[in-house]
PDB file of N, CA and C in Angstrom:
ATOM      1  N   UNK A   1      52.790  20.736  21.665  1.00  0.00           N
ATOM      2  CA  UNK A   1      53.746  21.307  22.653  1.00  0.00           C
ATOM      3  C   UNK A   1      54.457  19.935  23.197  1.00  0.00           C
ATOM      4  N   UNK A   2      55.667  19.926  23.352  1.00  0.00           N
ATOM      5  CA  UNK A   2      56.261  18.617  23.970  1.00  0.00           C
ATOM      6  C   UNK A   2      56.664  18.971  25.384  1.00  0.00           C
ATOM      7  N   UNK A   3      57.049  17.962  26.082  1.00  0.00           N
ATOM      8  CA  UNK A   3      57.452  18.004  27.413  1.00  0.00           C
ATOM      9  C   UNK A   3      58.404  18.979  27.730  1.00  0.00           C
ATOM     10  N   UNK A   4      58.285  19.876  28.630  1.00  0.00           N
ATOM     11  CA  UNK A   4      59.406  20.656  28.827  1.00  0.00           C
ATOM     12  C   UNK A   4      60.442  20.424  29.566  1.00  0.00           C
ATOM     13  N   UNK A   5      61.771  20.907  29.298  1.00  0.00           N
ATOM     14  CA  UNK A   5      62.904  20.613  29.770  1.00  0.00           C
ATOM     15  C   UNK A   5      62.977  20.854  31.358  1.00  0.00           C
ATOM     16  N   UNK A   6      62.170  21.868  31.756  1.00  0.00           N
ATOM     17  CA  UNK A   6      62.054  22.078  33.359  1.00  0.00           C
ATOM     18  C   UNK A   6      61.372  20.770  33.839  1.00  0.00           C
ATOM     19  N   UNK A   7      60.323  20.218  33.258  1.00  0.00           N
ATOM     20  CA  UNK A   7      59.622  19.093  33.730  1.00  0.00           C
ATOM     21  C   UNK A   7      60.420  17.774  33.873  1.00  0.00           C
ATOM     22  N   UNK A   8      61.016  17.723  32.778  1.00  0.00           N
ATOM     23  CA  UNK A   8      62.044  16.597  32.505  1.00  0.00           C
ATOM     24  C   UNK A   8      63.331  16.581  33.528  1.00  0.00           C
ATOM     25  N   UNK A   9      63.605  17.790  33.981  1.00  0.00           N
ATOM     26  CA  UNK A   9      64.594  17.751  35.059  1.00  0.00           C
ATOM     27  C   UNK A   9      64.107  17.457  36.292  1.00  0.00           C
ATOM     28  N   UNK A  10      62.781  17.274  36.719  1.00  0.00           N
ATOM     29  CA  UNK A  10      62.456  16.995  38.037  1.00  0.00           C
ATOM     30  C   UNK A  10      61.764  15.482  37.906  1.00  0.00           C
ATOM     31  N   UNK A  11      61.460  15.016  36.750  1.00  0.00           N
ATOM     32  CA  UNK A  11      60.802  13.828  36.851  1.00  0.00           C
ATOM     33  C   UNK A  11      61.804  12.617  37.158  1.00  0.00           C
ATOM     34  N   UNK A  12      61.184  11.503  38.004  1.00  0.00           N
ATOM     35  CA  UNK A  12      62.019  10.434  38.278  1.00  0.00           C
ATOM     36  C   UNK A  12      61.096   9.442  38.269  1.00  0.00           C
ATOM     37  N   UNK A  13      61.521   8.170  38.162  1.00  0.00           N
ATOM     38  CA  UNK A  13      61.093   7.018  37.966  1.00  0.00           C
ATOM     39  C   UNK A  13      60.342   6.335  39.322  1.00  0.00           C
ATOM     40  N   UNK A  14      58.751   6.484  39.635  1.00  0.00           N
ATOM     41  CA  UNK A  14      58.160   6.175  40.832  1.00  0.00           C
ATOM     42  C   UNK A  14      58.596   4.892  41.547  1.00  0.00           C
ATOM     43  N   UNK A  15      59.298   4.029  40.665  1.00  0.00           N
ATOM     44  CA  UNK A  15      59.524   2.846  41.417  1.00  0.00           C
ATOM     45  C   UNK A  15      60.913   2.874  42.116  1.00  0.00           C
ATOM     46  N   UNK A  16      61.908   3.387  41.474  1.00  0.00           N
ATOM     47  CA  UNK A  16      63.424   3.535  41.918  1.00  0.00           C
ATOM     48  C   UNK A  16      63.753   4.874  42.124  1.00  0.00           C
ATOM     49  N   UNK A  17      63.175   5.925  41.907  1.00  0.00           N
ATOM     50  CA  UNK A  17      63.641   7.241  41.961  1.00  0.00           C
ATOM     51  C   UNK A  17      64.686   7.626  41.109  1.00  0.00           C
ATOM     52  N   UNK A  18      64.953   7.010  40.043  1.00  0.00           N
ATOM     53  CA  UNK A  18      65.964   7.401  39.092  1.00  0.00           C
ATOM     54  C   UNK A  18      65.583   8.315  38.259  1.00  0.00           C
ATOM     55  N   UNK A  19      66.402   9.359  37.757  1.00  0.00           N
ATOM     56  CA  UNK A  19      65.852  10.645  36.816  1.00  0.00           C
ATOM     57  C   UNK A  19      65.531   9.486  35.569  1.00  0.00           C
ATOM     58  N   UNK A  20      64.569  10.029  34.714  1.00  0.00           N
ATOM     59  CA  UNK A  20      64.077   9.458  33.493  1.00  0.00           C
ATOM     60  C   UNK A  20      64.638  10.272  32.391  1.00  0.00           C
ATOM     61  N   UNK A  21      64.668   9.543  31.252  1.00  0.00           N
ATOM     62  CA  UNK A  21      65.318  10.209  30.125  1.00  0.00           C
ATOM     63  C   UNK A  21      64.087  10.157  29.024  1.00  0.00           C
ATOM     64  N   UNK A  22      64.184  11.047  28.180  1.00  0.00           N
ATOM     65  CA  UNK A  22      63.230  11.060  26.937  1.00  0.00           C
ATOM     66  C   UNK A  22      63.644  10.041  25.838  1.00  0.00           C
ATOM     67  N   UNK A  23      62.661   9.159  25.392  1.00  0.00           N
ATOM     68  CA  UNK A  23      62.999   8.269  24.585  1.00  0.00           C
ATOM     69  C   UNK A  23      63.287   9.052  23.049  1.00  0.00           C
ATOM     70  N   UNK A  24      63.992   8.236  22.351  1.00  0.00           N
ATOM     71  CA  UNK A  24      64.520   8.713  20.949  1.00  0.00           C
ATOM     72  C   UNK A  24      63.252   9.231  20.119  1.00  0.00           C
ATOM     73  N   UNK A  25      62.227   8.458  20.087  1.00  0.00           N
ATOM     74  CA  UNK A  25      61.015   8.808  19.392  1.00  0.00           C
ATOM     75  C   UNK A  25      60.101   9.960  20.171  1.00  0.00           C
ATOM     76  N   UNK A  26      60.533  10.313  21.483  1.00  0.00           N
ATOM     77  CA  UNK A  26      59.737  11.325  22.272  1.00  0.00           C
ATOM     78  C   UNK A  26      58.340  10.835  22.548  1.00  0.00           C
ATOM     79  N   UNK A  27      58.139   9.650  22.715  1.00  0.00           N
ATOM     80  CA  UNK A  27      56.826   8.967  22.961  1.00  0.00           C
ATOM     81  C   UNK A  27      56.625   8.634  24.393  1.00  0.00           C
ATOM     82  N   UNK A  28      57.834   8.554  25.092  1.00  0.00           N
ATOM     83  CA  UNK A  28      57.975   8.042  26.450  1.00  0.00           C
ATOM     84  C   UNK A  28      59.176   8.427  27.199  1.00  0.00           C
ATOM     85  N   UNK A  29      59.176   8.131  28.399  1.00  0.00           N
ATOM     86  CA  UNK A  29      60.342   8.483  29.296  1.00  0.00           C
ATOM     87  C   UNK A  29      60.977   7.158  29.992  1.00  0.00           C
ATOM     88  N   UNK A  30      62.032   6.822  29.752  1.00  0.00           N
ATOM     89  CA  UNK A  30      62.834   5.633  30.225  1.00  0.00           C
ATOM     90  C   UNK A  30      63.630   5.731  31.230  1.00  0.00           C
ATOM     91  N   UNK A  31      63.508   5.036  32.294  1.00  0.00           N
ATOM     92  CA  UNK A  31      64.264   4.847  33.347  1.00  0.00           C
ATOM     93  C   UNK A  31      65.612   4.072  33.011  1.00  0.00           C
ATOM     94  N   UNK A  32      66.858   4.399  33.170  1.00  0.00           N
ATOM     95  CA  UNK A  32      67.851   3.844  32.807  1.00  0.00           C
ATOM     96  C   UNK A  32      68.384   2.475  33.872  1.00  0.00           C
ATOM     97  N   UNK A  33      67.521   2.478  34.973  1.00  0.00           N
ATOM     98  CA  UNK A  33      67.778   1.670  36.021  1.00  0.00           C
ATOM     99  C   UNK A  33      67.004   0.085  35.873  1.00  0.00           C
ATOM    100  N   UNK A  34      65.652   0.502  35.589  1.00  0.00           N
ATOM    101  CA  UNK A  34      64.712  -0.515  35.746  1.00  0.00           C
ATOM    102  C   UNK A  34      64.037  -0.899  34.173  1.00  0.00           C
ATOM    103  N   UNK A  35      64.589   0.054  33.211  1.00  0.00           N
ATOM    104  CA  UNK A  35      64.232   0.034  31.794  1.00  0.00           C
ATOM    105  C   UNK A  35      62.917   0.053  31.716  1.00  0.00           C
ATOM    106  N   UNK A  36      61.946   0.529  32.564  1.00  0.00           N
ATOM    107  CA  UNK A  36      60.620   1.023  32.295  1.00  0.00           C
ATOM    108  C   UNK A  36      60.362   1.957  31.367  1.00  0.00           C
ATOM    109  N   UNK A  37      59.499   2.015  30.540  1.00  0.00           N
ATOM    110  CA  UNK A  37      59.061   3.161  29.708  1.00  0.00           C
ATOM    111  C   UNK A  37      57.687   3.689  30.001  1.00  0.00           C
ATOM    112  N   UNK A  38      57.688   4.961  30.544  1.00  0.00           N
ATOM    113  CA  UNK A  38      56.380   5.550  30.887  1.00  0.00           C
ATOM    114  C   UNK A  38      55.868   6.395  29.620  1.00  0.00           C
ATOM    115  N   UNK A  39      54.680   6.018  29.334  1.00  0.00           N
ATOM    116  CA  UNK A  39      54.155   6.746  28.044  1.00  0.00           C
ATOM    117  C   UNK A  39      53.890   8.383  28.231  1.00  0.00           C
ATOM    118  N   UNK A  40      53.970   9.170  27.178  1.00  0.00           N
ATOM    119  CA  UNK A  40      53.620  10.417  27.128  1.00  0.00           C
ATOM    120  C   UNK A  40      52.209  10.531  26.218  1.00  0.00           C
ATOM    121  N   UNK A  41      51.252  10.936  26.841  1.00  0.00           N
ATOM    122  CA  UNK A  41      49.991  10.993  26.198  1.00  0.00           C
ATOM    123  C   UNK A  41      49.433  12.514  26.090  1.00  0.00           C
ATOM    124  N   UNK A  42      49.210  13.150  25.107  1.00  0.00           N
ATOM    125  CA  UNK A  42      48.829  14.627  25.109  1.00  0.00           C
ATOM    126  C   UNK A  42      49.861  15.331  25.830  1.00  0.00           C
ATOM    127  N   UNK A  43      50.937  15.015  25.525  1.00  0.00           N
ATOM    128  CA  UNK A  43      52.108  15.806  26.284  1.00  0.00           C
ATOM    129  C   UNK A  43      52.199  15.931  27.715  1.00  0.00           C
ATOM    130  N   UNK A  44      51.509  14.880  28.260  1.00  0.00           N
ATOM    131  CA  UNK A  44      51.586  14.569  29.637  1.00  0.00           C
ATOM    132  C   UNK A  44      52.165  13.384  29.909  1.00  0.00           C
ATOM    133  N   UNK A  45      53.299  13.236  30.737  1.00  0.00           N
ATOM    134  CA  UNK A  45      53.632  11.964  31.074  1.00  0.00           C
ATOM    135  C   UNK A  45      52.839  11.238  31.969  1.00  0.00           C
ATOM    136  N   UNK A  46      52.772  10.024  31.702  1.00  0.00           N
ATOM    137  CA  UNK A  46      52.015   8.943  32.686  1.00  0.00           C
ATOM    138  C   UNK A  46      52.998   8.424  33.615  1.00  0.00           C
ATOM    139  N   UNK A  47      53.149   8.794  34.867  1.00  0.00           N
ATOM    140  CA  UNK A  47      54.251   8.125  35.666  1.00  0.00           C
ATOM    141  C   UNK A  47      53.538   7.122  36.473  1.00  0.00           C
ATOM    142  N   UNK A  48      52.986   6.290  36.027  1.00  0.00           N
ATOM    143  CA  UNK A  48      52.420   5.119  36.879  1.00  0.00           C
ATOM    144  C   UNK A  48      52.971   3.805  36.583  1.00  0.00           C
ATOM    145  N   UNK A  49      53.546   2.904  37.537  1.00  0.00           N
ATOM    146  CA  UNK A  49      54.276   1.841  37.187  1.00  0.00           C
ATOM    147  C   UNK A  49      53.223   0.912  36.377  1.00  0.00           C
ATOM    148  N   UNK A  50      52.023   0.937  36.750  1.00  0.00           N
ATOM    149  CA  UNK A  50      51.099   0.006  35.922  1.00  0.00           C
ATOM    150  C   UNK A  50      50.922   0.328  34.424  1.00  0.00           C
ATOM    151  N   UNK A  51      51.384   1.474  34.181  1.00  0.00           N
ATOM    152  CA  UNK A  51      51.033   1.995  32.827  1.00  0.00           C
ATOM    153  C   UNK A  51      52.548   1.597  31.924  1.00  0.00           C
ATOM    154  N   UNK A  52      53.669   1.516  32.481  1.00  0.00           N
ATOM    155  CA  UNK A  52      54.822   1.698  32.000  1.00  0.00           C
ATOM    156  C   UNK A  52      55.173  -0.055  31.390  1.00  0.00           C
ATOM    157  N   UNK A  53      55.852   0.272  30.411  1.00  0.00           N
ATOM    158  CA  UNK A  53      56.200  -1.238  29.584  1.00  0.00           C
ATOM    159  C   UNK A  53      57.744  -1.300  29.977  1.00  0.00           C
ATOM    160  N   UNK A  54      58.265  -2.522  29.949  1.00  0.00           N
ATOM    161  CA  UNK A  54      59.724  -2.958  30.271  1.00  0.00           C
ATOM    162  C   UNK A  54      60.386  -3.064  28.808  1.00  0.00           C
ATOM    163  N   UNK A  55      61.403  -2.507  28.497  1.00  0.00           N
ATOM    164  CA  UNK A  55      62.199  -2.684  27.394  1.00  0.00           C
ATOM    165  C   UNK A  55      63.336  -3.153  27.450  1.00  0.00           C
ATOM    166  N   UNK A  56      64.143  -3.802  26.682  1.00  0.00           N
ATOM    167  CA  UNK A  56      65.817  -4.198  27.004  1.00  0.00           C
ATOM    168  C   UNK A  56      66.570  -2.926  26.999  1.00  0.00           C
ATOM    169  N   UNK A  57      67.695  -3.146  27.419  1.00  0.00           N
ATOM    170  CA  UNK A  57      68.721  -2.074  27.123  1.00  0.00           C
ATOM    171  C   UNK A  57      68.736  -1.641  25.753  1.00  0.00           C
TER     172      UNK A  57
END
């Protein structure tokens, strides 16, 4: 089961409070402002800054 749309609608980056977007591979949630990608493990988003990786635009 993937992350529900209802959950995606309310999730935001914990660092800058910008709404996150699902990555194309559906393995993470990316913040368009700070470019951090938060992993999704077992269909559960891990919204911890220390767990995120920074990707280029």
